[in-house]
Amino acid sequence: MVKVKFSTVDGKFVGVECSGHCEYGDEGEDIVCAALSSVIQTAVLGIMHIVGVNIAYETDPKDGYLYAMLPKSMSKSQEHDADVILRTAYLGASDLYENFSDYISLEVE
């Protein structure tokens, strides 16, 4: 099971952490894992390349681990845009969770 945890501060999304494997299908054929990974990784790329924020980012594909946390110092515009992107990723992850809750756990803290 993949555990997905979105972090918030003062009601704004500031990061995401994923760990584990979905195990919906065989390695290399797991469409649930691929969909979830695409949603989360695209959000991180958007924050880095579109918003222009140097997000703290760490991965370990073997363990199915991804950690991404916004820096504390950003412009108001960057804070807003990064929040929108992470909220959108949360919506994508929530949709997957609704259909595949046996393979994904989802929380917001």
C-alpha atoms as a PDB file:
ATOM      1  CA  MET A   1       0.000   0.000   0.000  1.00  0.00           C
ATOM      2  CA  VAL A   2       1.170   3.530  -0.763  1.00  0.00           C
ATOM      3  CA  LYS A   3       0.835   6.020   2.068  1.00  0.00           C
ATOM      4  CA  VAL A   4       0.327   9.587   0.847  1.00  0.00           C
ATOM      5  CA  LYS A   5       0.481  12.459   3.307  1.00  0.00           C
ATOM      6  CA  PHE A   6      -0.046  16.087   2.324  1.00  0.00           C
ATOM      7  CA  SER A   7       1.213  18.691   4.792  1.00  0.00           C
ATOM      8  CA  THR A   8      -0.476  22.018   5.471  1.00  0.00           C
ATOM      9  CA  VAL A   9       0.404  25.142   7.446  1.00  0.00           C
ATOM     10  CA  ASP A  10      -2.267  27.709   8.231  1.00  0.00           C
ATOM     11  CA  GLY A  11      -4.600  26.067   5.716  1.00  0.00           C
ATOM     12  CA  LYS A  12      -2.097  26.148   2.843  1.00  0.00           C
ATOM     13  CA  PHE A  13      -0.618  23.028   1.278  1.00  0.00           C
ATOM     14  CA  VAL A  14       3.161  23.017   1.780  1.00  0.00           C
ATOM     15  CA  GLY A  15       4.334  19.505   0.982  1.00  0.00           C
ATOM     16  CA  VAL A  16       3.700  15.870   0.215  1.00  0.00           C
ATOM     17  CA  GLU A  17       5.273  12.586   1.253  1.00  0.00           C
ATOM     18  CA  CYS A  18       4.603   9.180  -0.314  1.00  0.00           C
ATOM     19  CA  SER A  19       5.973   5.822   0.738  1.00  0.00           C
ATOM     20  CA  GLY A  20       5.427   2.241  -0.280  1.00  0.00           C
ATOM     21  CA  HIS A  21       4.127   0.475  -3.358  1.00  0.00           C
ATOM     22  CA  CYS A  22       0.502   0.090  -4.469  1.00  0.00           C
ATOM     23  CA  GLU A  23       0.844  -3.590  -5.397  1.00  0.00           C
ATOM     24  CA  TYR A  24      -2.247  -3.301  -7.609  1.00  0.00           C
ATOM     25  CA  GLY A  25      -0.370  -5.012 -10.432  1.00  0.00           C
ATOM     26  CA  ASP A  26       2.989  -6.542 -11.189  1.00  0.00           C
ATOM     27  CA  GLU A  27       6.070  -4.315 -11.080  1.00  0.00           C
ATOM     28  CA  GLY A  28       6.172  -2.280 -14.273  1.00  0.00           C
ATOM     29  CA  GLU A  29       2.451  -2.893 -14.921  1.00  0.00           C
ATOM     30  CA  ASP A  30       0.904  -1.251 -11.848  1.00  0.00           C
ATOM     31  CA  ILE A  31      -1.433   1.358 -13.337  1.00  0.00           C
ATOM     32  CA  VAL A  32      -2.521   2.688  -9.938  1.00  0.00           C
ATOM     33  CA  CYS A  33       1.072   3.332  -8.901  1.00  0.00           C
ATOM     34  CA  ALA A  34       1.833   4.889 -12.276  1.00  0.00           C
ATOM     35  CA  ALA A  35      -1.181   7.208 -12.070  1.00  0.00           C
ATOM     36  CA  LEU A  36      -0.426   8.307  -8.516  1.00  0.00           C
ATOM     37  CA  SER A  37       3.262   8.814  -9.278  1.00  0.00           C
ATOM     38  CA  SER A  38       2.418  10.912 -12.324  1.00  0.00           C
ATOM     39  CA  VAL A  39       0.084  13.173 -10.343  1.00  0.00           C
ATOM     40  CA  ILE A  40       2.568  13.782  -7.541  1.00  0.00           C
ATOM     41  CA  GLN A  41       5.698  14.092  -9.685  1.00  0.00           C
ATOM     42  CA  THR A  42       3.991  16.484 -12.109  1.00  0.00           C
ATOM     43  CA  ALA A  43       3.030  18.710  -9.161  1.00  0.00           C
ATOM     44  CA  VAL A  44       6.634  18.774  -7.951  1.00  0.00           C
ATOM     45  CA  LEU A  45       7.891  19.590 -11.457  1.00  0.00           C
ATOM     46  CA  GLY A  46       5.306  22.370 -11.778  1.00  0.00           C
ATOM     47  CA  ILE A  47       6.414  23.928  -8.507  1.00  0.00           C
ATOM     48  CA  MET A  48      10.067  23.743  -9.515  1.00  0.00           C
ATOM     49  CA  HIS A  49       9.807  24.853 -13.142  1.00  0.00           C
ATOM     50  CA  ILE A  50       6.624  26.919 -13.429  1.00  0.00           C
ATOM     51  CA  VAL A  51       6.472  28.551  -9.990  1.00  0.00           C
ATOM     52  CA  GLY A  52      10.266  28.756  -9.778  1.00  0.00           C
ATOM     53  CA  VAL A  53      10.619  27.411  -6.253  1.00  0.00           C
ATOM     54  CA  ASN A  54      13.566  25.269  -5.215  1.00  0.00           C
ATOM     55  CA  ILE A  55      11.490  22.682  -3.366  1.00  0.00           C
ATOM     56  CA  ALA A  56      13.198  20.230  -0.996  1.00  0.00           C
ATOM     57  CA  TYR A  57      12.859  17.003  -2.961  1.00  0.00           C
ATOM     58  CA  GLU A  58      13.974  13.461  -2.223  1.00  0.00           C
ATOM     59  CA  THR A  59      13.122  10.117  -3.821  1.00  0.00           C
ATOM     60  CA  ASP A  60      13.973   6.461  -3.433  1.00  0.00           C
ATOM     61  CA  PRO A  61      12.284   4.429  -6.200  1.00  0.00           C
ATOM     62  CA  LYS A  62      13.241   1.110  -4.590  1.00  0.00           C
ATOM     63  CA  ASP A  63      11.201   1.936  -1.487  1.00  0.00           C
ATOM     64  CA  GLY A  64       8.560   3.919  -3.362  1.00  0.00           C
ATOM     65  CA  TYR A  65       9.527   7.023  -1.408  1.00  0.00           C
ATOM     66  CA  LEU A  66       9.007  10.644  -2.407  1.00  0.00           C
ATOM     67  CA  TYR A  67       9.298  13.703  -0.164  1.00  0.00           C
ATOM     68  CA  ALA A  68       8.698  17.276  -1.340  1.00  0.00           C
ATOM     69  CA  MET A  69       8.443  20.279   0.989  1.00  0.00           C
ATOM     70  CA  LEU A  70       8.184  23.953   0.139  1.00  0.00           C
ATOM     71  CA  PRO A  71      10.767  26.327   1.606  1.00  0.00           C
ATOM     72  CA  LYS A  72       9.619  28.699   4.324  1.00  0.00           C
ATOM     73  CA  SER A  73      10.739  31.743   2.349  1.00  0.00           C
ATOM     74  CA  MET A  74       8.729  32.419  -0.821  1.00  0.00           C
ATOM     75  CA  SER A  75       6.960  35.397  -2.325  1.00  0.00           C
ATOM     76  CA  LYS A  76       3.189  35.641  -1.775  1.00  0.00           C
ATOM     77  CA  SER A  77       2.691  34.835  -5.454  1.00  0.00           C
ATOM     78  CA  GLN A  78       4.862  31.716  -5.198  1.00  0.00           C
ATOM     79  CA  GLU A  79       3.037  30.626  -2.024  1.00  0.00           C
ATOM     80  CA  HIS A  80      -0.289  30.977  -3.807  1.00  0.00           C
ATOM     81  CA  ASP A  81       0.783  29.175  -6.972  1.00  0.00           C
ATOM     82  CA  ALA A  82       2.486  26.309  -5.103  1.00  0.00           C
ATOM     83  CA  ASP A  83      -0.613  25.899  -2.913  1.00  0.00           C
ATOM     84  CA  VAL A  84      -2.831  25.687  -6.010  1.00  0.00           C
ATOM     85  CA  ILE A  85      -0.587  23.048  -7.577  1.00  0.00           C
ATOM     86  CA  LEU A  86      -0.424  20.946  -4.406  1.00  0.00           C
ATOM     87  CA  ARG A  87      -4.202  21.242  -3.904  1.00  0.00           C
ATOM     88  CA  THR A  88      -4.674  20.038  -7.470  1.00  0.00           C
ATOM     89  CA  ALA A  89      -2.352  17.077  -6.799  1.00  0.00           C
ATOM     90  CA  TYR A  90      -4.402  16.339  -3.684  1.00  0.00           C
ATOM     91  CA  LEU A  91      -7.574  16.269  -5.810  1.00  0.00           C
ATOM     92  CA  GLY A  92      -5.927  13.810  -8.206  1.00  0.00           C
ATOM     93  CA  ALA A  93      -4.708  11.627  -5.342  1.00  0.00           C
ATOM     94  CA  SER A  94      -8.166  11.819  -3.707  1.00  0.00           C
ATOM     95  CA  ASP A  95      -9.831  10.636  -6.898  1.00  0.00           C
ATOM     96  CA  LEU A  96      -7.473   7.672  -7.091  1.00  0.00           C
ATOM     97  CA  TYR A  97      -8.027   6.958  -3.399  1.00  0.00           C
ATOM     98  CA  GLU A  98     -11.812   6.861  -3.892  1.00  0.00           C
ATOM     99  CA  ASN A  99     -11.451   4.130  -6.480  1.00  0.00           C
ATOM    100  CA  PHE A 100      -8.430   2.252  -5.083  1.00  0.00           C
ATOM    101  CA  SER A 101      -8.540   2.662  -1.291  1.00  0.00           C
ATOM    102  CA  ASP A 102      -7.300  -0.903  -0.842  1.00  0.00           C
ATOM    103  CA  TYR A 103      -3.979   0.228  -2.364  1.00  0.00           C
ATOM    104  CA  ILE A 104      -3.649   3.884  -1.252  1.00  0.00           C
ATOM    105  CA  SER A 105      -3.935   5.592   2.125  1.00  0.00           C
ATOM    106  CA  LEU A 106      -4.388   9.357   2.056  1.00  0.00           C
ATOM    107  CA  GLU A 107      -4.184  11.977   4.762  1.00  0.00           C
ATOM    108  CA  VAL A 108      -3.777  15.700   5.206  1.00  0.00           C
ATOM    109  CA  GLU A 109      -2.037  17.014   8.285  1.00  0.00           C
END
